[in-house]
PDB file of N, CA and C in Angstrom:
ATOM      1  N   MET A   1      26.725 -11.700  -9.398  1.00  0.00           N
ATOM      2  CA  MET A   1      25.137 -11.951  -8.762  1.00  0.00           C
ATOM      3  C   MET A   1      24.571 -11.727 -10.515  1.00  0.00           C
ATOM      4  N   GLN A   2      23.979 -12.595 -10.608  1.00  0.00           N
ATOM      5  CA  GLN A   2      23.152 -12.400 -11.668  1.00  0.00           C
ATOM      6  C   GLN A   2      21.881 -11.748 -11.814  1.00  0.00           C
ATOM      7  N   LYS A   3      22.049 -10.274 -12.881  1.00  0.00           N
ATOM      8  CA  LYS A   3      20.812 -10.107 -12.712  1.00  0.00           C
ATOM      9  C   LYS A   3      19.399 -10.125 -13.559  1.00  0.00           C
ATOM     10  N   VAL A   4      18.086  -9.929 -13.572  1.00  0.00           N
ATOM     11  CA  VAL A   4      16.567 -10.299 -14.025  1.00  0.00           C
ATOM     12  C   VAL A   4      16.353  -9.233 -14.862  1.00  0.00           C
ATOM     13  N   GLN A   5      15.687  -9.193 -16.116  1.00  0.00           N
ATOM     14  CA  GLN A   5      14.844  -8.137 -16.213  1.00  0.00           C
ATOM     15  C   GLN A   5      13.426  -7.993 -16.162  1.00  0.00           C
ATOM     16  N   THR A   6      13.049  -6.641 -15.815  1.00  0.00           N
ATOM     17  CA  THR A   6      12.005  -6.468 -15.186  1.00  0.00           C
ATOM     18  C   THR A   6      11.044  -5.202 -16.065  1.00  0.00           C
ATOM     19  N   SER A   7      10.160  -5.520 -16.085  1.00  0.00           N
ATOM     20  CA  SER A   7       9.331  -3.859 -16.360  1.00  0.00           C
ATOM     21  C   SER A   7       7.935  -3.535 -15.216  1.00  0.00           C
ATOM     22  N   LEU A   8       7.983  -2.584 -15.300  1.00  0.00           N
ATOM     23  CA  LEU A   8       7.238  -2.241 -14.508  1.00  0.00           C
ATOM     24  C   LEU A   8       6.305  -0.757 -14.917  1.00  0.00           C
ATOM     25  N   ARG A   9       5.147  -0.065 -14.625  1.00  0.00           N
ATOM     26  CA  ARG A   9       4.152   0.910 -15.147  1.00  0.00           C
ATOM     27  C   ARG A   9       3.641   2.167 -14.320  1.00  0.00           C
ATOM     28  N   ILE A  10       4.709   2.896 -14.524  1.00  0.00           N
ATOM     29  CA  ILE A  10       4.678   4.526 -13.229  1.00  0.00           C
ATOM     30  C   ILE A  10       4.033   5.624 -14.163  1.00  0.00           C
ATOM     31  N   GLU A  11       3.151   6.363 -13.589  1.00  0.00           N
ATOM     32  CA  GLU A  11       2.729   7.693 -14.332  1.00  0.00           C
ATOM     33  C   GLU A  11       4.053   8.273 -15.474  1.00  0.00           C
ATOM     34  N   GLU A  12       4.077   8.984 -16.153  1.00  0.00           N
ATOM     35  CA  GLU A  12       5.106   9.835 -17.208  1.00  0.00           C
ATOM     36  C   GLU A  12       5.605  10.881 -16.192  1.00  0.00           C
ATOM     37  N   LYS A  13       4.552  11.429 -15.709  1.00  0.00           N
ATOM     38  CA  LYS A  13       5.112  12.633 -14.745  1.00  0.00           C
ATOM     39  C   LYS A  13       5.712  12.675 -13.632  1.00  0.00           C
ATOM     40  N   THR A  14       5.616  11.126 -13.003  1.00  0.00           N
ATOM     41  CA  THR A  14       6.006  11.100 -12.331  1.00  0.00           C
ATOM     42  C   THR A  14       7.572  10.633 -12.285  1.00  0.00           C
ATOM     43  N   PHE A  15       7.949   9.225 -13.198  1.00  0.00           N
ATOM     44  CA  PHE A  15       8.799   8.958 -13.715  1.00  0.00           C
ATOM     45  C   PHE A  15       9.979   9.722 -14.194  1.00  0.00           C
ATOM     46  N   LYS A  16       9.368  10.857 -15.336  1.00  0.00           N
ATOM     47  CA  LYS A  16      10.745  11.880 -15.399  1.00  0.00           C
ATOM     48  C   LYS A  16      10.914  12.688 -14.351  1.00  0.00           C
ATOM     49  N   GLU A  17      10.205  13.183 -13.141  1.00  0.00           N
ATOM     50  CA  GLU A  17      10.293  13.784 -12.112  1.00  0.00           C
ATOM     51  C   GLU A  17      11.416  13.193 -11.387  1.00  0.00           C
ATOM     52  N   ALA A  18      11.262  11.591 -11.110  1.00  0.00           N
ATOM     53  CA  ALA A  18      11.750  10.656 -10.428  1.00  0.00           C
ATOM     54  C   ALA A  18      13.507  11.074 -10.938  1.00  0.00           C
ATOM     55  N   ARG A  19      13.352  10.807 -12.000  1.00  0.00           N
ATOM     56  CA  ARG A  19      14.524  10.639 -13.286  1.00  0.00           C
ATOM     57  C   ARG A  19      15.428  11.922 -13.266  1.00  0.00           C
ATOM     58  N   LYS A  20      14.756  12.850 -13.039  1.00  0.00           N
ATOM     59  CA  LYS A  20      15.665  14.460 -13.085  1.00  0.00           C
ATOM     60  C   LYS A  20      16.271  14.220 -11.189  1.00  0.00           C
ATOM     61  N   ILE A  21      15.349  14.149 -10.131  1.00  0.00           N
ATOM     62  CA  ILE A  21      15.949  14.217  -9.022  1.00  0.00           C
ATOM     63  C   ILE A  21      16.975  12.905  -9.074  1.00  0.00           C
ATOM     64  N   LEU A  22      16.973  11.650  -9.211  1.00  0.00           N
ATOM     65  CA  LEU A  22      17.869  10.982  -9.305  1.00  0.00           C
ATOM     66  C   LEU A  22      19.104  11.449  -9.774  1.00  0.00           C
ATOM     67  N   SER A  23      18.791  11.383 -11.071  1.00  0.00           N
ATOM     68  CA  SER A  23      20.068  12.582 -11.564  1.00  0.00           C
ATOM     69  C   SER A  23      20.755  13.028 -10.908  1.00  0.00           C
ATOM     70  N   SER A  24      20.065  14.099 -10.239  1.00  0.00           N
ATOM     71  CA  SER A  24      20.771  15.103  -9.700  1.00  0.00           C
ATOM     72  C   SER A  24      21.750  14.246  -8.137  1.00  0.00           C
ATOM     73  N   LEU A  25      21.415  13.346  -7.888  1.00  0.00           N
ATOM     74  CA  LEU A  25      21.883  12.618  -6.955  1.00  0.00           C
ATOM     75  C   LEU A  25      23.292  11.543  -7.639  1.00  0.00           C
ATOM     76  N   GLY A  26      22.857  11.470  -8.832  1.00  0.00           N
ATOM     77  CA  GLY A  26      24.214  10.900  -9.544  1.00  0.00           C
ATOM     78  C   GLY A  26      24.072   9.036  -9.601  1.00  0.00           C
ATOM     79  N   LEU A  27      22.501   8.899  -9.630  1.00  0.00           N
ATOM     80  CA  LEU A  27      21.605   7.722  -9.489  1.00  0.00           C
ATOM     81  C   LEU A  27      20.442   7.843 -10.603  1.00  0.00           C
ATOM     82  N   ASN A  28      20.901   6.813 -11.731  1.00  0.00           N
ATOM     83  CA  ASN A  28      19.654   6.278 -12.240  1.00  0.00           C
ATOM     84  C   ASN A  28      18.334   5.677 -12.077  1.00  0.00           C
ATOM     85  N   PHE A  29      17.500   5.683 -12.958  1.00  0.00           N
ATOM     86  CA  PHE A  29      16.628   5.006 -12.047  1.00  0.00           C
ATOM     87  C   PHE A  29      16.417   3.881 -11.571  1.00  0.00           C
ATOM     88  N   SER A  30      17.268   2.831 -12.886  1.00  0.00           N
ATOM     89  CA  SER A  30      17.261   1.120 -12.262  1.00  0.00           C
ATOM     90  C   SER A  30      18.459   1.224 -11.142  1.00  0.00           C
ATOM     91  N   GLU A  31      19.042   2.186 -10.981  1.00  0.00           N
ATOM     92  CA  GLU A  31      19.617   1.758  -9.483  1.00  0.00           C
ATOM     93  C   GLU A  31      19.236   2.029  -8.533  1.00  0.00           C
ATOM     94  N   ALA A  32      18.543   3.238  -8.352  1.00  0.00           N
ATOM     95  CA  ALA A  32      17.174   3.790  -7.535  1.00  0.00           C
ATOM     96  C   ALA A  32      16.407   2.418  -7.650  1.00  0.00           C
ATOM     97  N   VAL A  33      15.696   1.787  -8.159  1.00  0.00           N
ATOM     98  CA  VAL A  33      15.163   0.608  -7.977  1.00  0.00           C
ATOM     99  C   VAL A  33      15.642  -0.748  -6.976  1.00  0.00           C
ATOM    100  N   ASN A  34      16.781  -0.767  -7.776  1.00  0.00           N
ATOM    101  CA  ASN A  34      17.769  -1.485  -7.182  1.00  0.00           C
ATOM    102  C   ASN A  34      17.984  -1.685  -5.480  1.00  0.00           C
ATOM    103  N   ILE A  35      18.666  -0.215  -5.164  1.00  0.00           N
ATOM    104  CA  ILE A  35      18.677   0.172  -4.153  1.00  0.00           C
ATOM    105  C   ILE A  35      17.262  -0.250  -3.468  1.00  0.00           C
ATOM    106  N   PHE A  36      16.369   0.323  -3.876  1.00  0.00           N
ATOM    107  CA  PHE A  36      14.341   0.196  -3.125  1.00  0.00           C
ATOM    108  C   PHE A  36      14.407  -1.714  -3.044  1.00  0.00           C
ATOM    109  N   ALA A  37      15.049  -2.622  -3.869  1.00  0.00           N
ATOM    110  CA  ALA A  37      14.875  -3.848  -3.422  1.00  0.00           C
ATOM    111  C   ALA A  37      15.382  -4.509  -2.642  1.00  0.00           C
ATOM    112  N   SER A  38      16.653  -3.953  -2.287  1.00  0.00           N
ATOM    113  CA  SER A  38      17.514  -4.376  -1.632  1.00  0.00           C
ATOM    114  C   SER A  38      17.169  -3.989   0.088  1.00  0.00           C
ATOM    115  N   MET A  39      16.752  -2.639  -0.177  1.00  0.00           N
ATOM    116  CA  MET A  39      16.096  -2.380   1.287  1.00  0.00           C
ATOM    117  C   MET A  39      14.858  -3.099   1.882  1.00  0.00           C
ATOM    118  N   VAL A  40      14.340  -3.222   1.155  1.00  0.00           N
ATOM    119  CA  VAL A  40      13.337  -4.378   1.190  1.00  0.00           C
ATOM    120  C   VAL A  40      13.473  -5.603   1.998  1.00  0.00           C
ATOM    121  N   VAL A  41      14.365  -6.206   1.229  1.00  0.00           N
ATOM    122  CA  VAL A  41      15.131  -7.444   1.519  1.00  0.00           C
ATOM    123  C   VAL A  41      15.962  -7.432   3.045  1.00  0.00           C
ATOM    124  N   LYS A  42      16.294  -5.988   3.331  1.00  0.00           N
ATOM    125  CA  LYS A  42      17.237  -5.747   4.454  1.00  0.00           C
ATOM    126  C   LYS A  42      16.196  -6.022   5.659  1.00  0.00           C
ATOM    127  N   GLU A  43      14.700  -4.702   5.209  1.00  0.00           N
ATOM    128  CA  GLU A  43      14.067  -4.430   6.488  1.00  0.00           C
ATOM    129  C   GLU A  43      12.570  -5.410   6.682  1.00  0.00           C
ATOM    130  N   ARG A  44      12.597  -6.752   5.346  1.00  0.00           N
ATOM    131  CA  ARG A  44      11.646  -7.476   5.602  1.00  0.00           C
ATOM    132  C   ARG A  44      10.493  -6.773   5.275  1.00  0.00           C
ATOM    133  N   GLY A  45      10.610  -5.823   4.463  1.00  0.00           N
ATOM    134  CA  GLY A  45       9.273  -4.994   4.397  1.00  0.00           C
ATOM    135  C   GLY A  45       9.846  -3.720   3.956  1.00  0.00           C
ATOM    136  N   LEU A  46       8.476  -2.650   3.430  1.00  0.00           N
ATOM    137  CA  LEU A  46       8.819  -1.717   3.014  1.00  0.00           C
ATOM    138  C   LEU A  46       9.772  -0.591   3.772  1.00  0.00           C
ATOM    139  N   PRO A  47      11.130  -0.388   3.538  1.00  0.00           N
ATOM    140  CA  PRO A  47      12.066   0.275   4.306  1.00  0.00           C
ATOM    141  C   PRO A  47      11.471   1.905   4.671  1.00  0.00           C
ATOM    142  N   PHE A  48      10.269   2.112   4.804  1.00  0.00           N
ATOM    143  CA  PHE A  48       9.578   3.454   5.217  1.00  0.00           C
ATOM    144  C   PHE A  48       8.329   3.171   5.963  1.00  0.00           C
ATOM    145  N   ASP A  49       7.726   3.696   6.473  1.00  0.00           N
ATOM    146  CA  ASP A  49       6.625   3.507   7.470  1.00  0.00           C
ATOM    147  C   ASP A  49       4.842   3.908   6.199  1.00  0.00           C
ATOM    148  N   ILE A  50       4.407   3.538   6.861  1.00  0.00           N
ATOM    149  CA  ILE A  50       3.518   3.369   5.714  1.00  0.00           C
ATOM    150  C   ILE A  50       1.735   3.723   6.607  1.00  0.00           C
ATOM    151  N   LYS A  51       1.197   5.189   6.685  1.00  0.00           N
ATOM    152  CA  LYS A  51       0.126   5.856   7.940  1.00  0.00           C
ATOM    153  C   LYS A  51      -0.782   5.957   6.757  1.00  0.00           C
ATOM    154  N   ALA A  52      -1.625   6.363   7.447  1.00  0.00           N
ATOM    155  CA  ALA A  52      -3.050   6.469   6.746  1.00  0.00           C
ATOM    156  C   ALA A  52      -3.074   8.477   7.377  1.00  0.00           C
ATOM    157  N   LEU A  53      -3.486   8.973   6.641  1.00  0.00           N
ATOM    158  CA  LEU A  53      -3.385  10.601   6.295  1.00  0.00           C
ATOM    159  C   LEU A  53      -4.665  10.759   7.219  1.00  0.00           C
ATOM    160  N   SER A  54      -5.602   9.683   7.174  1.00  0.00           N
ATOM    161  CA  SER A  54      -6.827  10.736   7.878  1.00  0.00           C
ATOM    162  C   SER A  54      -7.953   8.779   8.389  1.00  0.00           C
ATOM    163  N   TYR A  55      -8.095   8.883   9.299  1.00  0.00           N
ATOM    164  CA  TYR A  55      -9.045   7.396   9.573  1.00  0.00           C
ATOM    165  C   TYR A  55     -10.394   7.969  10.573  1.00  0.00           C
ATOM    166  N   PRO A  56     -11.076   7.595  10.533  1.00  0.00           N
ATOM    167  CA  PRO A  56     -12.163   7.552  11.339  1.00  0.00           C
ATOM    168  C   PRO A  56     -11.846   7.426  12.552  1.00  0.00           C
ATOM    169  N   GLU A  57     -12.392   8.220  13.797  1.00  0.00           N
ATOM    170  CA  GLU A  57     -12.077   7.846  15.320  1.00  0.00           C
ATOM    171  C   GLU A  57     -13.131   7.070  15.782  1.00  0.00           C
ATOM    172  N   ILE A  58     -12.759   6.045  16.183  1.00  0.00           N
ATOM    173  CA  ILE A  58     -13.535   5.379  16.666  1.00  0.00           C
ATOM    174  C   ILE A  58     -12.947   4.287  17.885  1.00  0.00           C
ATOM    175  N   THR A  59     -14.074   3.904  18.728  1.00  0.00           N
ATOM    176  CA  THR A  59     -13.339   3.227  19.970  1.00  0.00           C
ATOM    177  C   THR A  59     -13.031   1.785  19.513  1.00  0.00           C
ATOM    178  N   TYR A  60     -12.655   1.035  20.385  1.00  0.00           N
ATOM    179  CA  TYR A  60     -12.732  -0.055  20.661  1.00  0.00           C
ATOM    180  C   TYR A  60     -13.938  -0.546  20.772  1.00  0.00           C
ATOM    181  N   GLU A  61     -14.988  -0.664  21.398  1.00  0.00           N
ATOM    182  CA  GLU A  61     -15.802  -1.068  21.842  1.00  0.00           C
ATOM    183  C   GLU A  61     -17.304  -0.733  20.514  1.00  0.00           C
ATOM    184  N   GLU A  62     -17.015   0.435  19.914  1.00  0.00           N
ATOM    185  CA  GLU A  62     -17.736   0.590  18.676  1.00  0.00           C
ATOM    186  C   GLU A  62     -17.071  -0.129  17.671  1.00  0.00           C
ATOM    187  N   ALA A  63     -16.234  -0.318  17.345  1.00  0.00           N
ATOM    188  CA  ALA A  63     -15.431  -0.962  16.459  1.00  0.00           C
ATOM    189  C   ALA A  63     -16.355  -2.580  16.356  1.00  0.00           C
ATOM    190  N   GLN A  64     -16.226  -2.972  17.745  1.00  0.00           N
ATOM    191  CA  GLN A  64     -16.870  -4.324  18.102  1.00  0.00           C
ATOM    192  C   GLN A  64     -18.644  -4.400  17.578  1.00  0.00           C
ATOM    193  N   LYS A  65     -18.867  -3.266  17.895  1.00  0.00           N
ATOM    194  CA  LYS A  65     -20.395  -3.417  17.639  1.00  0.00           C
ATOM    195  C   LYS A  65     -20.644  -3.342  16.075  1.00  0.00           C
ATOM    196  N   LYS A  66     -20.373  -2.792  15.714  1.00  0.00           N
ATOM    197  CA  LYS A  66     -20.020  -2.232  14.311  1.00  0.00           C
ATOM    198  C   LYS A  66     -19.686  -3.766  13.520  1.00  0.00           C
ATOM    199  N   VAL A  67     -18.400  -4.961  13.675  1.00  0.00           N
ATOM    200  CA  VAL A  67     -18.486  -5.726  13.622  1.00  0.00           C
ATOM    201  C   VAL A  67     -19.419  -6.812  13.295  1.00  0.00           C
ATOM    202  N   GLN A  68     -19.576  -6.939  14.870  1.00  0.00           N
ATOM    203  CA  GLN A  68     -21.114  -7.689  15.288  1.00  0.00           C
ATOM    204  C   GLN A  68     -22.082  -7.704  14.082  1.00  0.00           C
ATOM    205  N   ARG A  69     -22.492  -6.438  14.115  1.00  0.00           N
ATOM    206  CA  ARG A  69     -23.650  -5.940  13.433  1.00  0.00           C
ATOM    207  C   ARG A  69     -23.859  -6.226  12.178  1.00  0.00           C
ATOM    208  N   SER A  70     -22.574  -6.179  11.457  1.00  0.00           N
ATOM    209  CA  SER A  70     -21.719  -6.721  10.448  1.00  0.00           C
ATOM    210  C   SER A  70     -22.065  -7.884   9.847  1.00  0.00           C
ATOM    211  N   ILE A  71     -21.659  -8.719  11.085  1.00  0.00           N
ATOM    212  CA  ILE A  71     -22.139 -10.561  10.613  1.00  0.00           C
ATOM    213  C   ILE A  71     -23.266 -10.909  10.501  1.00  0.00           C
ATOM    214  N   LYS A  72     -23.835 -10.245  11.328  1.00  0.00           N
ATOM    215  CA  LYS A  72     -25.269 -10.143  11.612  1.00  0.00           C
ATOM    216  C   LYS A  72     -26.131  -9.954  10.644  1.00  0.00           C
ATOM    217  N   SER A  73     -25.619  -9.314  10.014  1.00  0.00           N
ATOM    218  CA  SER A  73     -26.677  -8.403   8.429  1.00  0.00           C
ATOM    219  C   SER A  73     -26.276  -9.621   7.346  1.00  0.00           C
ATOM    220  N   MET A  74     -25.045 -10.278   7.373  1.00  0.00           N
ATOM    221  CA  MET A  74     -24.851 -11.096   5.866  1.00  0.00           C
ATOM    222  C   MET A  74     -25.208 -12.684   6.072  1.00  0.00           C
ATOM    223  N   ASP A  75     -25.703 -13.064   5.571  1.00  0.00           N
ATOM    224  CA  ASP A  75     -25.894 -14.800   5.552  1.00  0.00           C
ATOM    225  C   ASP A  75     -24.975 -15.367   4.805  1.00  0.00           C
ATOM    226  N   ALA A  76     -25.409 -16.477   4.929  1.00  0.00           N
ATOM    227  CA  ALA A  76     -24.788 -17.723   4.031  1.00  0.00           C
ATOM    228  C   ALA A  76     -24.740 -17.585   2.546  1.00  0.00           C
ATOM    229  N   THR A  77     -25.713 -16.825   2.146  1.00  0.00           N
ATOM    230  CA  THR A  77     -24.916 -16.967   0.544  1.00  0.00           C
ATOM    231  C   THR A  77     -25.029 -15.596  -0.033  1.00  0.00           C
ATOM    232  N   SER A  78     -24.828 -14.130   1.260  1.00  0.00           N
ATOM    233  CA  SER A  78     -24.588 -13.242   0.547  1.00  0.00           C
ATOM    234  C   SER A  78     -22.749 -13.120   0.634  1.00  0.00           C
ATOM    235  N   SER A  79     -22.028 -12.590  -0.441  1.00  0.00           N
ATOM    236  CA  SER A  79     -21.291 -12.294   0.205  1.00  0.00           C
ATOM    237  C   SER A  79     -20.640 -10.928  -0.586  1.00  0.00           C
ATOM    238  N   LYS A  80     -19.162 -10.052  -0.151  1.00  0.00           N
ATOM    239  CA  LYS A  80     -19.246  -8.826  -0.375  1.00  0.00           C
ATOM    240  C   LYS A  80     -17.460  -9.244  -1.026  1.00  0.00           C
ATOM    241  N   GLU A  81     -17.649  -7.866  -1.531  1.00  0.00           N
ATOM    242  CA  GLU A  81     -15.729  -7.674  -1.820  1.00  0.00           C
ATOM    243  C   GLU A  81     -15.599  -6.984  -0.229  1.00  0.00           C
ATOM    244  N   ALA A  82     -13.790  -7.003   0.086  1.00  0.00           N
ATOM    245  CA  ALA A  82     -13.514  -6.398   1.443  1.00  0.00           C
ATOM    246  C   ALA A  82     -13.553  -5.274   1.435  1.00  0.00           C
ATOM    247  N   ASP A  83     -13.064  -4.517   0.108  1.00  0.00           N
ATOM    248  CA  ASP A  83     -13.328  -2.930  -0.061  1.00  0.00           C
ATOM    249  C   ASP A  83     -14.359  -2.137   0.471  1.00  0.00           C
ATOM    250  N   ASP A  84     -15.816  -3.076  -0.109  1.00  0.00           N
ATOM    251  CA  ASP A  84     -16.477  -2.948   0.292  1.00  0.00           C
ATOM    252  C   ASP A  84     -17.575  -2.924   1.954  1.00  0.00           C
ATOM    253  N   PHE A  85     -17.400  -4.023   2.290  1.00  0.00           N
ATOM    254  CA  PHE A  85     -17.064  -4.262   3.533  1.00  0.00           C
ATOM    255  C   PHE A  85     -16.427  -3.492   4.679  1.00  0.00           C
ATOM    256  N   PHE A  86     -15.467  -3.135   4.505  1.00  0.00           N
ATOM    257  CA  PHE A  86     -14.668  -2.052   5.177  1.00  0.00           C
ATOM    258  C   PHE A  86     -15.390  -0.834   4.719  1.00  0.00           C
ATOM    259  N   LYS A  87     -15.541  -0.858   4.025  1.00  0.00           N
ATOM    260  CA  LYS A  87     -16.004   0.495   3.467  1.00  0.00           C
ATOM    261  C   LYS A  87     -17.456   1.132   4.385  1.00  0.00           C
ATOM    262  N   GLU A  88     -18.445   0.288   4.349  1.00  0.00           N
ATOM    263  CA  GLU A  88     -19.931  -0.115   5.113  1.00  0.00           C
ATOM    264  C   GLU A  88     -18.885   0.125   6.710  1.00  0.00           C
ATOM    265  N   LEU A  89     -18.237  -0.653   7.069  1.00  0.00           N
ATOM    266  CA  LEU A  89     -18.206  -1.138   8.399  1.00  0.00           C
ATOM    267  C   LEU A  89     -17.544   0.146   9.117  1.00  0.00           C
ATOM    268  N   LEU A  90     -16.555   0.830   8.098  1.00  0.00           N
ATOM    269  CA  LEU A  90     -16.139   2.444   8.685  1.00  0.00           C
ATOM    270  C   LEU A  90     -16.428   3.498   8.284  1.00  0.00           C
ATOM    271  N   GLY A  91     -17.992   3.237   7.619  1.00  0.00           N
ATOM    272  CA  GLY A  91     -19.101   4.119   6.968  1.00  0.00           C
ATOM    273  C   GLY A  91     -19.526   5.283   8.070  1.00  0.00           C
TER     274      GLY A  91
END
């Protein structure tokens, strides 16, 4: 199978620690990235769960009310970044 070369940016400290751990497993960083990419393809997504460490507890009804208030507060000419919208919504 033909290989492609790619590059990525990662914190130096994380990279050094990961290389050390991977070396103890008999892998280099490139091999580990290839394993990760293969698992993404196999799983059709990330090969592990992504979960919020903490989030506000809110009932469905409360969420619906907040969404309706947010929609009413916006007019046709206003716009918000999605992150700002959700921060305000969950605020």
